[in-house]
Amino acid sequence: MDLEVGARASGAPSSLAERIATMRRDIADSARAAGRDPASVTLVGVAKGQSRTAVAEAVAAGLDDVAENYVQEARSKLDGLGGRKHFVGHVQTNKAKAIVETFDVVQSIDRLEAGRAIARAQDVLGKRVRTLVQINVSRYERFGVAPNDAPALASRLREEGLDVDGVMAIGPEGAGREATLEAFRSAADSFARVGGTTLSLGMSSDWREAVACGSTMVRIGTLLFGARA
């Protein structure tokens, strides 16, 4: 049976703790195959559409990093839970304060206006967050700055006082392996020019290709939590 990009064969472990452990082993194996240190890749669980109970169970099982797309959903779900909280949704300027209040990392800054709003929220709240520049490597994706424009945006964001620690990108959905690899290599090149320590690249369908291209952070939802309700 042929598998889609990044897919796992049937017979995967059923419990959430087992899926987290299996995912970590799979990531480590892929990192070693690419000549990389397994410790260089962070697993982030994307909890969009999942219950607070499931997220709490994942954190208790050792998942240190959890991501959400929507601020309101995250505020009710993540409050009081440990670990690092990542915002991966589109940054709306009128929600910047709530984003900074709720999250430790903002992965999806794709324009100067959004960055300025986050910077102002930091000043008001007296709290700093790590930020990533979201780049667009897929013609199907709505958001993200062009890879060649990312270094200039990162420079402007740093002038605004943001801690820009790298880039994030969403792979081309439904693309074949070669197209996915090409997109991820473009993201890796942009990351090298932006600087920082974090290349957030790869989701449930394409994380193996992302690790092969140097991703330091994979954002996994379905393979950990199952399909969203």
Protein backbone atom coordinates (compact mmCIF):
# COMPACT_ATOMS: atom_id res chain seq x y z
CA MET A 1 0.00 0.00 0.00
CA ASP A 2 1.34 3.44 -0.94
CA LEU A 3 1.28 6.05 1.80
CA GLU A 4 0.71 9.76 1.34
CA VAL A 5 3.46 12.21 2.26
CA GLY A 6 4.28 11.78 5.95
CA ALA A 7 1.52 9.21 6.52
CA ARG A 8 1.79 6.36 9.02
CA ALA A 9 0.66 2.80 8.32
CA SER A 10 -2.30 1.28 10.15
CA GLY A 11 -1.78 -0.23 13.60
CA ALA A 12 -0.62 3.02 15.22
CA PRO A 13 -0.88 3.14 19.04
CA SER A 14 -4.30 4.10 20.35
CA SER A 15 -3.66 6.02 23.58
CA LEU A 16 -2.56 9.63 23.53
CA ALA A 17 0.51 8.94 25.69
CA GLU A 18 1.53 6.13 23.32
CA ARG A 19 1.04 8.34 20.27
CA ILE A 20 3.23 11.05 21.80
CA ALA A 21 5.96 8.53 22.62
CA THR A 22 5.75 6.97 19.15
CA MET A 23 5.86 10.39 17.50
CA ARG A 24 9.00 11.28 19.42
CA ARG A 25 10.67 8.03 18.37
CA ASP A 26 9.68 8.56 14.75
CA ILE A 27 11.05 12.10 14.80
CA ALA A 28 14.30 10.89 16.35
CA ASP A 29 14.65 8.19 13.69
CA SER A 30 14.05 10.69 10.87
CA ALA A 31 16.51 13.16 12.39
CA ARG A 32 19.22 10.50 12.62
CA ALA A 33 18.53 9.44 9.03
CA ALA A 34 19.16 13.06 8.00
CA GLY A 35 22.41 13.17 10.00
CA ARG A 36 20.89 15.37 12.67
CA ASP A 37 20.71 15.31 16.46
CA PRO A 38 17.21 14.14 17.47
CA ALA A 39 17.26 16.66 20.30
CA SER A 40 17.34 19.45 17.71
CA VAL A 41 13.68 18.86 16.76
CA THR A 42 10.89 20.00 19.09
CA LEU A 43 7.47 18.37 18.99
CA VAL A 44 4.56 20.82 19.23
CA GLY A 45 1.05 19.42 19.64
CA VAL A 46 -1.58 21.41 17.74
CA ALA A 47 -4.73 21.33 19.86
CA LYS A 48 -7.09 23.19 17.53
CA GLY A 49 -10.58 21.72 17.92
CA GLN A 50 -9.52 19.34 20.71
CA SER A 51 -10.93 19.25 24.24
CA ARG A 52 -9.24 20.68 27.30
CA THR A 53 -9.25 17.17 28.75
CA ALA A 54 -7.24 15.84 25.80
CA VAL A 55 -4.74 18.69 25.99
CA ALA A 56 -4.33 18.26 29.75
CA GLU A 57 -3.74 14.55 29.20
CA ALA A 58 -1.09 15.32 26.58
CA VAL A 59 0.72 17.77 28.87
CA ALA A 60 0.60 15.22 31.70
CA ALA A 61 2.12 12.67 29.31
CA GLY A 62 5.11 14.95 28.72
CA LEU A 63 4.08 17.14 25.80
CA ASP A 64 5.92 20.36 26.66
CA ASP A 65 4.71 22.50 23.74
CA VAL A 66 1.09 23.06 22.70
CA ALA A 67 -0.20 25.25 19.85
CA GLU A 68 -3.57 26.86 19.13
CA ASN A 69 -4.98 28.78 16.18
CA TYR A 70 -7.65 30.80 17.97
CA VAL A 71 -7.16 33.04 21.00
CA GLN A 72 -10.60 32.59 22.53
CA GLU A 73 -10.41 28.82 22.28
CA ALA A 74 -6.93 28.82 23.78
CA ARG A 75 -7.83 31.05 26.73
CA SER A 76 -10.49 28.66 27.98
CA LYS A 77 -8.50 25.53 27.14
CA LEU A 78 -4.91 26.28 28.11
CA ASP A 79 -5.40 28.34 31.25
CA GLY A 80 -3.58 26.72 34.13
CA LEU A 81 -1.82 24.10 32.02
CA GLY A 82 1.95 23.87 32.06
CA GLY A 83 4.38 23.92 29.17
CA ARG A 84 5.01 26.45 26.42
CA LYS A 85 2.03 27.80 24.52
CA HIS A 86 2.37 28.67 20.83
CA PHE A 87 0.05 30.82 18.74
CA VAL A 88 -0.03 29.62 15.13
CA GLY A 89 -3.13 31.41 13.82
CA HIS A 90 -3.37 34.63 11.84
CA VAL A 91 -2.44 37.62 14.00
CA GLN A 92 -5.29 40.13 14.14
CA THR A 93 -4.06 43.42 15.53
CA ASN A 94 -7.11 43.93 17.75
CA LYS A 95 -6.31 40.65 19.50
CA ALA A 96 -2.61 41.31 20.05
CA LYS A 97 -2.96 41.93 23.79
CA ALA A 98 -4.91 38.69 24.29
CA ILE A 99 -2.32 36.81 22.24
CA VAL A 100 0.57 38.09 24.36
CA GLU A 101 -1.36 37.39 27.56
CA THR A 102 -2.10 33.80 26.54
CA PHE A 103 0.96 32.60 24.65
CA ASP A 104 4.72 32.31 25.04
CA VAL A 105 5.55 32.06 21.32
CA VAL A 106 3.85 33.81 18.39
CA GLN A 107 4.75 31.90 15.23
CA SER A 108 2.70 33.71 12.63
CA ILE A 109 3.78 37.32 12.18
CA ASP A 110 3.64 38.06 8.46
CA ARG A 111 3.42 41.85 8.29
CA LEU A 112 4.83 44.87 10.09
CA GLU A 113 1.44 46.04 11.36
CA ALA A 114 0.92 42.76 13.23
CA GLY A 115 4.41 42.90 14.68
CA ARG A 116 3.91 46.43 15.94
CA ALA A 117 0.68 45.40 17.65
CA ILE A 118 2.45 42.53 19.41
CA ALA A 119 5.30 44.86 20.43
CA ARG A 120 2.84 47.38 21.91
CA ALA A 121 1.07 44.58 23.80
CA GLN A 122 4.40 43.45 25.23
CA ASP A 123 5.08 46.94 26.54
CA VAL A 124 1.62 47.28 28.09
CA LEU A 125 1.73 43.88 29.77
CA GLY A 126 5.40 43.84 30.69
CA LYS A 127 5.71 40.40 29.11
CA ARG A 128 7.92 39.30 26.24
CA VAL A 129 7.17 36.55 23.76
CA ARG A 130 9.32 34.80 21.18
CA THR A 131 8.19 35.47 17.63
CA LEU A 132 8.63 33.89 14.22
CA VAL A 133 8.10 35.35 10.77
CA GLN A 134 5.51 33.36 8.82
CA ILE A 135 6.60 32.84 5.24
CA ASN A 136 4.45 31.58 2.38
CA VAL A 137 5.84 28.62 0.42
CA SER A 138 2.52 27.42 -0.98
CA ARG A 139 0.26 28.95 -3.60
CA TYR A 140 -2.69 27.56 -1.63
CA GLU A 141 -1.82 29.39 1.60
CA ARG A 142 -3.48 32.75 2.32
CA PHE A 143 -1.00 34.15 4.79
CA GLY A 144 2.75 34.63 5.04
CA VAL A 145 5.36 36.94 3.58
CA ALA A 146 7.28 35.93 0.47
CA PRO A 147 10.47 34.05 1.44
CA ASN A 148 12.72 36.67 -0.18
CA ASP A 149 10.99 39.43 1.79
CA ALA A 150 11.30 37.70 5.17
CA PRO A 151 14.80 39.02 6.11
CA ALA A 152 13.73 42.64 5.63
CA LEU A 153 10.55 42.10 7.65
CA ALA A 154 12.51 40.37 10.41
CA SER A 155 14.89 43.32 10.57
CA ARG A 156 12.01 45.80 10.89
CA LEU A 157 10.34 43.66 13.56
CA ARG A 158 13.54 43.55 15.58
CA GLU A 159 13.72 47.34 15.36
CA GLU A 160 10.23 47.38 16.89
CA GLY A 161 11.59 45.40 19.84
CA LEU A 162 10.46 41.89 18.95
CA ASP A 163 12.54 38.81 19.68
CA VAL A 164 12.46 37.29 16.19
CA ASP A 165 13.82 33.76 16.55
CA GLY A 166 13.31 32.34 13.06
CA VAL A 167 10.55 31.48 10.62
CA MET A 168 7.42 29.35 10.31
CA ALA A 169 5.81 27.99 7.16
CA ILE A 170 2.90 25.78 6.16
CA GLY A 171 3.71 23.22 3.48
CA PRO A 172 1.84 22.97 0.17
CA GLU A 173 -1.22 20.90 1.01
CA GLY A 174 -1.72 17.85 -1.18
CA ALA A 175 1.58 18.29 -3.02
CA GLY A 176 3.81 15.35 -3.88
CA ARG A 177 7.06 14.65 -2.11
CA GLU A 178 9.31 16.56 -4.50
CA ALA A 179 7.13 19.68 -4.48
CA THR A 180 7.00 19.51 -0.68
CA LEU A 181 10.77 19.19 -0.42
CA GLU A 182 11.26 22.11 -2.81
CA ALA A 183 8.95 24.30 -0.70
CA PHE A 184 10.67 23.30 2.52
CA ARG A 185 14.13 23.97 1.09
CA SER A 186 12.93 27.46 0.20
CA ALA A 187 11.78 27.91 3.80
CA ALA A 188 15.12 26.67 5.12
CA ASP A 189 16.97 29.14 2.90
CA SER A 190 14.79 31.97 4.18
CA PHE A 191 15.44 30.84 7.76
CA ALA A 192 19.19 30.99 7.19
CA ARG A 193 18.87 34.61 6.08
CA VAL A 194 16.46 35.64 8.86
CA GLY A 195 18.55 34.08 11.61
CA GLY A 196 17.51 32.71 14.96
CA THR A 197 17.16 29.18 16.29
CA THR A 198 13.70 28.06 15.14
CA LEU A 199 12.56 26.72 11.79
CA SER A 200 8.94 25.70 12.45
CA LEU A 201 8.11 23.47 9.54
CA GLY A 202 6.09 20.32 9.03
CA MET A 203 2.69 19.01 10.13
CA SER A 204 1.04 15.59 10.30
CA SER A 205 1.13 15.01 6.54
CA ASP A 206 4.65 16.27 5.78
CA TRP A 207 6.76 16.33 8.94
CA ARG A 208 9.27 13.76 7.64
CA GLU A 209 10.11 15.96 4.66
CA ALA A 210 10.38 18.94 7.02
CA VAL A 211 12.89 17.18 9.28
CA ALA A 212 14.91 16.17 6.23
CA CYS A 213 15.07 19.87 5.26
CA GLY A 214 16.24 21.06 8.67
CA SER A 215 13.06 21.77 10.62
CA THR A 216 13.70 22.35 14.32
CA MET A 217 10.01 22.31 15.27
CA VAL A 218 7.19 20.16 13.88
CA ARG A 219 3.55 21.04 14.57
CA ILE A 220 1.52 17.85 14.87
CA GLY A 221 -2.23 17.70 15.37
CA THR A 222 -4.01 14.74 13.79
CA LEU A 223 -1.27 12.16 14.40
CA LEU A 224 -1.39 12.96 18.12
CA PHE A 225 -4.98 13.89 18.88
CA GLY A 226 -6.85 12.33 16.00
CA ALA A 227 -9.28 14.12 13.70
CA ARG A 228 -10.88 17.30 15.01
CA ALA A 229 -14.51 17.13 16.09
